[in-house]
């Protein structure tokens, strides 16, 4: 599960290892919660592959570096 509070890179790395590639987009609707779930609901049709989705999730949910 990913709720937007933990580091997005950790979630994405684990997600890609555990979810079969052909099911990545379908699986996201089950593992994203709260803010990321709403984000996915609004943007899921904008991506052709997980690479672009990862890039946008990182831009939206990555914590600023101090």
PDB file of N, CA and C in Angstrom:
ATOM      1  N   UNK A   1       0.834  -1.186   0.000  1.00  0.00           N
ATOM      2  CA  UNK A   1       0.000   0.000   0.000  1.00  0.00           C
ATOM      3  C   UNK A   1       0.878   1.249   0.000  1.00  0.00           C
ATOM      4  N   UNK A   2       0.404   2.285  -0.651  1.00  0.00           N
ATOM      5  CA  UNK A   2       1.111   3.562  -0.637  1.00  0.00           C
ATOM      6  C   UNK A   2       0.097   4.655  -0.362  1.00  0.00           C
ATOM      7  N   UNK A   3       0.342   5.430   0.705  1.00  0.00           N
ATOM      8  CA  UNK A   3      -0.594   6.479   1.106  1.00  0.00           C
ATOM      9  C   UNK A   3      -0.049   7.888   0.902  1.00  0.00           C
ATOM     10  N   UNK A   4       1.145   7.998   0.323  1.00  0.00           N
ATOM     11  CA  UNK A   4       1.722   9.312   0.071  1.00  0.00           C
ATOM     12  C   UNK A   4       2.566   9.834   1.211  1.00  0.00           C
ATOM     13  N   UNK A   5       2.626   9.110   2.320  1.00  0.00           N
ATOM     14  CA  UNK A   5       3.368   9.589   3.479  1.00  0.00           C
ATOM     15  C   UNK A   5       4.793   9.047   3.530  1.00  0.00           C
ATOM     16  N   UNK A   6       5.027   7.887   2.976  1.00  0.00           N
ATOM     17  CA  UNK A   6       6.375   7.320   2.979  1.00  0.00           C
ATOM     18  C   UNK A   6       7.080   7.678   1.671  1.00  0.00           C
ATOM     19  N   UNK A   7       8.346   7.330   1.578  1.00  0.00           N
ATOM     20  CA  UNK A   7       9.151   7.677   0.402  1.00  0.00           C
ATOM     21  C   UNK A   7       8.637   6.947  -0.841  1.00  0.00           C
ATOM     22  N   UNK A   8       8.310   7.681  -1.869  1.00  0.00           N
ATOM     23  CA  UNK A   8       7.721   7.124  -3.083  1.00  0.00           C
ATOM     24  C   UNK A   8       8.679   6.169  -3.799  1.00  0.00           C
ATOM     25  N   UNK A   9       9.985   6.425  -3.781  1.00  0.00           N
ATOM     26  CA  UNK A   9      10.932   5.542  -4.463  1.00  0.00           C
ATOM     27  C   UNK A   9      10.939   4.149  -3.845  1.00  0.00           C
ATOM     28  N   UNK A  10      10.860   4.064  -2.522  1.00  0.00           N
ATOM     29  CA  UNK A  10      10.812   2.754  -1.859  1.00  0.00           C
ATOM     30  C   UNK A  10       9.569   1.983  -2.293  1.00  0.00           C
ATOM     31  N   UNK A  11       8.444   2.680  -2.321  1.00  0.00           N
ATOM     32  CA  UNK A  11       7.210   2.038  -2.765  1.00  0.00           C
ATOM     33  C   UNK A  11       7.331   1.555  -4.210  1.00  0.00           C
ATOM     34  N   UNK A  12       7.788   2.417  -5.112  1.00  0.00           N
ATOM     35  CA  UNK A  12       7.859   2.060  -6.523  1.00  0.00           C
ATOM     36  C   UNK A  12       8.795   0.883  -6.776  1.00  0.00           C
ATOM     37  N   UNK A  13       9.939   0.857  -6.119  1.00  0.00           N
ATOM     38  CA  UNK A  13      10.881  -0.250  -6.299  1.00  0.00           C
ATOM     39  C   UNK A  13      10.265  -1.570  -5.850  1.00  0.00           C
ATOM     40  N   UNK A  14       9.622  -1.580  -4.711  1.00  0.00           N
ATOM     41  CA  UNK A  14       8.987  -2.796  -4.211  1.00  0.00           C
ATOM     42  C   UNK A  14       7.812  -3.195  -5.098  1.00  0.00           C
ATOM     43  N   UNK A  15       7.012  -2.216  -5.511  1.00  0.00           N
ATOM     44  CA  UNK A  15       5.848  -2.480  -6.363  1.00  0.00           C
ATOM     45  C   UNK A  15       6.258  -3.154  -7.663  1.00  0.00           C
ATOM     46  N   UNK A  16       7.290  -2.636  -8.314  1.00  0.00           N
ATOM     47  CA  UNK A  16       7.724  -3.198  -9.595  1.00  0.00           C
ATOM     48  C   UNK A  16       8.234  -4.629  -9.456  1.00  0.00           C
ATOM     49  N   UNK A  17       8.823  -4.948  -8.328  1.00  0.00           N
ATOM     50  CA  UNK A  17       9.329  -6.309  -8.109  1.00  0.00           C
ATOM     51  C   UNK A  17       8.194  -7.289  -7.834  1.00  0.00           C
ATOM     52  N   UNK A  18       7.133  -6.827  -7.182  1.00  0.00           N
ATOM     53  CA  UNK A  18       6.072  -7.728  -6.748  1.00  0.00           C
ATOM     54  C   UNK A  18       4.906  -7.845  -7.726  1.00  0.00           C
ATOM     55  N   UNK A  19       4.599  -6.791  -8.461  1.00  0.00           N
ATOM     56  CA  UNK A  19       3.472  -6.828  -9.402  1.00  0.00           C
ATOM     57  C   UNK A  19       3.973  -7.237 -10.782  1.00  0.00           C
ATOM     58  N   UNK A  20       3.321  -8.210 -11.413  1.00  0.00           N
ATOM     59  CA  UNK A  20       3.713  -8.592 -12.778  1.00  0.00           C
ATOM     60  C   UNK A  20       3.603  -7.399 -13.726  1.00  0.00           C
ATOM     61  N   UNK A  21       4.548  -7.278 -14.637  1.00  0.00           N
ATOM     62  CA  UNK A  21       4.608  -6.108 -15.526  1.00  0.00           C
ATOM     63  C   UNK A  21       3.299  -5.866 -16.265  1.00  0.00           C
ATOM     64  N   UNK A  22       2.678  -6.908 -16.772  1.00  0.00           N
ATOM     65  CA  UNK A  22       1.437  -6.737 -17.535  1.00  0.00           C
ATOM     66  C   UNK A  22       0.268  -6.304 -16.655  1.00  0.00           C
ATOM     67  N   UNK A  23       0.441  -6.322 -15.333  1.00  0.00           N
ATOM     68  CA  UNK A  23      -0.632  -5.927 -14.427  1.00  0.00           C
ATOM     69  C   UNK A  23      -0.324  -4.646 -13.648  1.00  0.00           C
ATOM     70  N   UNK A  24       0.754  -3.944 -13.984  1.00  0.00           N
ATOM     71  CA  UNK A  24       1.148  -2.761 -13.219  1.00  0.00           C
ATOM     72  C   UNK A  24       0.013  -1.751 -13.070  1.00  0.00           C
ATOM     73  N   UNK A  25      -0.598  -1.341 -14.157  1.00  0.00           N
ATOM     74  CA  UNK A  25      -1.619  -0.301 -14.075  1.00  0.00           C
ATOM     75  C   UNK A  25      -2.855  -0.785 -13.316  1.00  0.00           C
ATOM     76  N   UNK A  26      -3.287  -2.017 -13.564  1.00  0.00           N
ATOM     77  CA  UNK A  26      -4.437  -2.543 -12.834  1.00  0.00           C
ATOM     78  C   UNK A  26      -4.140  -2.647 -11.349  1.00  0.00           C
ATOM     79  N   UNK A  27      -2.926  -3.026 -10.994  1.00  0.00           N
ATOM     80  CA  UNK A  27      -2.555  -3.194  -9.588  1.00  0.00           C
ATOM     81  C   UNK A  27      -2.509  -1.866  -8.842  1.00  0.00           C
ATOM     82  N   UNK A  28      -2.171  -0.779  -9.517  1.00  0.00           N
ATOM     83  CA  UNK A  28      -2.087   0.516  -8.836  1.00  0.00           C
ATOM     84  C   UNK A  28      -3.405   0.907  -8.182  1.00  0.00           C
ATOM     85  N   UNK A  29      -4.518   0.570  -8.807  1.00  0.00           N
ATOM     86  CA  UNK A  29      -5.802   0.958  -8.210  1.00  0.00           C
ATOM     87  C   UNK A  29      -6.058   0.241  -6.891  1.00  0.00           C
ATOM     88  N   UNK A  30      -5.366  -0.868  -6.635  1.00  0.00           N
ATOM     89  CA  UNK A  30      -5.551  -1.616  -5.394  1.00  0.00           C
ATOM     90  C   UNK A  30      -4.563  -1.217  -4.308  1.00  0.00           C
ATOM     91  N   UNK A  31      -3.411  -0.666  -4.684  1.00  0.00           N
ATOM     92  CA  UNK A  31      -2.377  -0.390  -3.676  1.00  0.00           C
ATOM     93  C   UNK A  31      -2.259   1.083  -3.294  1.00  0.00           C
ATOM     94  N   UNK A  32      -2.796   1.970  -4.103  1.00  0.00           N
ATOM     95  CA  UNK A  32      -2.721   3.393  -3.773  1.00  0.00           C
ATOM     96  C   UNK A  32      -3.877   3.774  -2.857  1.00  0.00           C
ATOM     97  N   UNK A  33      -3.586   4.580  -1.856  1.00  0.00           N
ATOM     98  CA  UNK A  33      -4.589   5.004  -0.881  1.00  0.00           C
ATOM     99  C   UNK A  33      -4.586   6.514  -0.746  1.00  0.00           C
ATOM    100  N   UNK A  34      -5.659   7.068  -0.253  1.00  0.00           N
ATOM    101  CA  UNK A  34      -5.863   8.490   0.036  1.00  0.00           C
ATOM    102  C   UNK A  34      -5.420   9.383  -1.116  1.00  0.00           C
ATOM    103  N   UNK A  35      -4.500  10.305  -0.889  1.00  0.00           N
ATOM    104  CA  UNK A  35      -4.091  11.269  -1.914  1.00  0.00           C
ATOM    105  C   UNK A  35      -3.559  10.594  -3.181  1.00  0.00           C
ATOM    106  N   UNK A  36      -2.655   9.599  -3.096  1.00  0.00           N
ATOM    107  CA  UNK A  36      -2.202   8.939  -4.323  1.00  0.00           C
ATOM    108  C   UNK A  36      -3.348   8.268  -5.084  1.00  0.00           C
ATOM    109  N   UNK A  37      -4.319   7.721  -4.379  1.00  0.00           N
ATOM    110  CA  UNK A  37      -5.456   7.088  -5.055  1.00  0.00           C
ATOM    111  C   UNK A  37      -6.256   8.117  -5.838  1.00  0.00           C
ATOM    112  N   UNK A  38      -6.487   9.266  -5.230  1.00  0.00           N
ATOM    113  CA  UNK A  38      -7.200  10.328  -5.953  1.00  0.00           C
ATOM    114  C   UNK A  38      -6.384  10.807  -7.153  1.00  0.00           C
ATOM    115  N   UNK A  39      -5.070  10.954  -6.963  1.00  0.00           N
ATOM    116  CA  UNK A  39      -4.182  11.356  -8.054  1.00  0.00           C
ATOM    117  C   UNK A  39      -4.268  10.351  -9.194  1.00  0.00           C
ATOM    118  N   UNK A  40      -4.190   9.058  -8.877  1.00  0.00           N
ATOM    119  CA  UNK A  40      -4.247   8.010  -9.897  1.00  0.00           C
ATOM    120  C   UNK A  40      -5.595   8.035 -10.619  1.00  0.00           C
ATOM    121  N   UNK A  41      -6.666   8.233  -9.893  1.00  0.00           N
ATOM    122  CA  UNK A  41      -7.979   8.290 -10.514  1.00  0.00           C
ATOM    123  C   UNK A  41      -8.086   9.405 -11.552  1.00  0.00           C
ATOM    124  N   UNK A  42      -7.411  10.495 -11.298  1.00  0.00           N
ATOM    125  CA  UNK A  42      -7.451  11.629 -12.227  1.00  0.00           C
ATOM    126  C   UNK A  42      -6.481  11.471 -13.402  1.00  0.00           C
ATOM    127  N   UNK A  43      -5.394  10.719 -13.230  1.00  0.00           N
ATOM    128  CA  UNK A  43      -4.330  10.710 -14.231  1.00  0.00           C
ATOM    129  C   UNK A  43      -4.059   9.371 -14.900  1.00  0.00           C
ATOM    130  N   UNK A  44      -4.724   8.308 -14.494  1.00  0.00           N
ATOM    131  CA  UNK A  44      -4.378   6.982 -14.990  1.00  0.00           C
ATOM    132  C   UNK A  44      -4.461   6.839 -16.510  1.00  0.00           C
ATOM    133  N   UNK A  45      -5.298   7.585 -17.148  1.00  0.00           N
ATOM    134  CA  UNK A  45      -5.428   7.465 -18.609  1.00  0.00           C
ATOM    135  C   UNK A  45      -4.361   8.261 -19.363  1.00  0.00           C
ATOM    136  N   UNK A  46      -3.515   8.973 -18.633  1.00  0.00           N
ATOM    137  CA  UNK A  46      -2.485   9.803 -19.265  1.00  0.00           C
ATOM    138  C   UNK A  46      -1.177   9.066 -19.536  1.00  0.00           C
ATOM    139  N   UNK A  47      -1.065   7.823 -19.092  1.00  0.00           N
ATOM    140  CA  UNK A  47       0.221   7.123 -19.187  1.00  0.00           C
ATOM    141  C   UNK A  47       0.141   5.940 -20.134  1.00  0.00           C
ATOM    142  N   UNK A  48       1.206   5.780 -20.913  1.00  0.00           N
ATOM    143  CA  UNK A  48       1.299   4.630 -21.796  1.00  0.00           C
ATOM    144  C   UNK A  48       2.118   3.513 -21.175  1.00  0.00           C
ATOM    145  N   UNK A  49       2.994   3.862 -20.226  1.00  0.00           N
ATOM    146  CA  UNK A  49       3.818   2.843 -19.586  1.00  0.00           C
ATOM    147  C   UNK A  49       4.168   3.270 -18.163  1.00  0.00           C
ATOM    148  N   UNK A  50       4.701   2.325 -17.403  1.00  0.00           N
ATOM    149  CA  UNK A  50       5.007   2.594 -16.009  1.00  0.00           C
ATOM    150  C   UNK A  50       6.157   3.582 -15.870  1.00  0.00           C
ATOM    151  N   UNK A  51       7.051   3.639 -16.836  1.00  0.00           N
ATOM    152  CA  UNK A  51       8.173   4.573 -16.768  1.00  0.00           C
ATOM    153  C   UNK A  51       7.664   6.012 -16.618  1.00  0.00           C
ATOM    154  N   UNK A  52       6.728   6.397 -17.447  1.00  0.00           N
ATOM    155  CA  UNK A  52       6.168   7.755 -17.381  1.00  0.00           C
ATOM    156  C   UNK A  52       5.370   7.948 -16.089  1.00  0.00           C
ATOM    157  N   UNK A  53       4.648   6.947 -15.687  1.00  0.00           N
ATOM    158  CA  UNK A  53       3.886   7.012 -14.435  1.00  0.00           C
ATOM    159  C   UNK A  53       4.831   7.202 -13.247  1.00  0.00           C
ATOM    160  N   UNK A  54       5.935   6.455 -13.207  1.00  0.00           N
ATOM    161  CA  UNK A  54       6.937   6.586 -12.138  1.00  0.00           C
ATOM    162  C   UNK A  54       7.482   8.008 -12.072  1.00  0.00           C
ATOM    163  N   UNK A  55       7.802   8.543 -13.236  1.00  0.00           N
ATOM    164  CA  UNK A  55       8.356   9.896 -13.300  1.00  0.00           C
ATOM    165  C   UNK A  55       7.386  10.904 -12.687  1.00  0.00           C
ATOM    166  N   UNK A  56       6.139  10.793 -13.044  1.00  0.00           N
ATOM    167  CA  UNK A  56       5.149  11.732 -12.533  1.00  0.00           C
ATOM    168  C   UNK A  56       4.862  11.509 -11.046  1.00  0.00           C
ATOM    169  N   UNK A  57       4.855  10.260 -10.608  1.00  0.00           N
ATOM    170  CA  UNK A  57       4.654   9.995  -9.176  1.00  0.00           C
ATOM    171  C   UNK A  57       5.806  10.570  -8.363  1.00  0.00           C
ATOM    172  N   UNK A  58       7.008  10.446  -8.889  1.00  0.00           N
ATOM    173  CA  UNK A  58       8.157  11.019  -8.183  1.00  0.00           C
ATOM    174  C   UNK A  58       8.046  12.536  -8.102  1.00  0.00           C
ATOM    175  N   UNK A  59       7.635  13.159  -9.199  1.00  0.00           N
ATOM    176  CA  UNK A  59       7.485  14.614  -9.184  1.00  0.00           C
ATOM    177  C   UNK A  59       6.423  15.033  -8.169  1.00  0.00           C
ATOM    178  N   UNK A  60       5.345  14.290  -8.082  1.00  0.00           N
ATOM    179  CA  UNK A  60       4.226  14.664  -7.217  1.00  0.00           C
ATOM    180  C   UNK A  60       4.467  14.305  -5.751  1.00  0.00           C
ATOM    181  N   UNK A  61       5.076  13.149  -5.471  1.00  0.00           N
ATOM    182  CA  UNK A  61       5.107  12.629  -4.115  1.00  0.00           C
ATOM    183  C   UNK A  61       6.493  12.562  -3.469  1.00  0.00           C
ATOM    184  N   UNK A  62       7.553  12.830  -4.198  1.00  0.00           N
ATOM    185  CA  UNK A  62       8.890  12.766  -3.610  1.00  0.00           C
ATOM    186  C   UNK A  62       9.072  13.867  -2.578  1.00  0.00           C
ATOM    187  N   UNK A  63       9.713  13.527  -1.504  1.00  0.00           N
ATOM    188  CA  UNK A  63      10.004  14.491  -0.434  1.00  0.00           C
ATOM    189  C   UNK A  63      11.137  15.410  -0.872  1.00  0.00           C
ATOM    190  N   UNK A  64      11.030  16.686  -0.598  1.00  0.00           N
ATOM    191  CA  UNK A  64      12.131  17.611  -0.930  1.00  0.00           C
ATOM    192  C   UNK A  64      13.402  17.233  -0.157  1.00  0.00           C
ATOM    193  N   UNK A  65      14.534  17.333  -0.830  1.00  0.00           N
ATOM    194  CA  UNK A  65      15.822  17.058  -0.185  1.00  0.00           C
ATOM    195  C   UNK A  65      16.257  18.265   0.620  1.00  0.00           C
ATOM    196  N   UNK A  66      16.746  18.033   1.799  1.00  0.00           N
ATOM    197  CA  UNK A  66      17.203  19.118   2.667  1.00  0.00           C
ATOM    198  C   UNK A  66      18.676  19.361   2.462  1.00  0.00           C
TER     199      UNK A  66
END
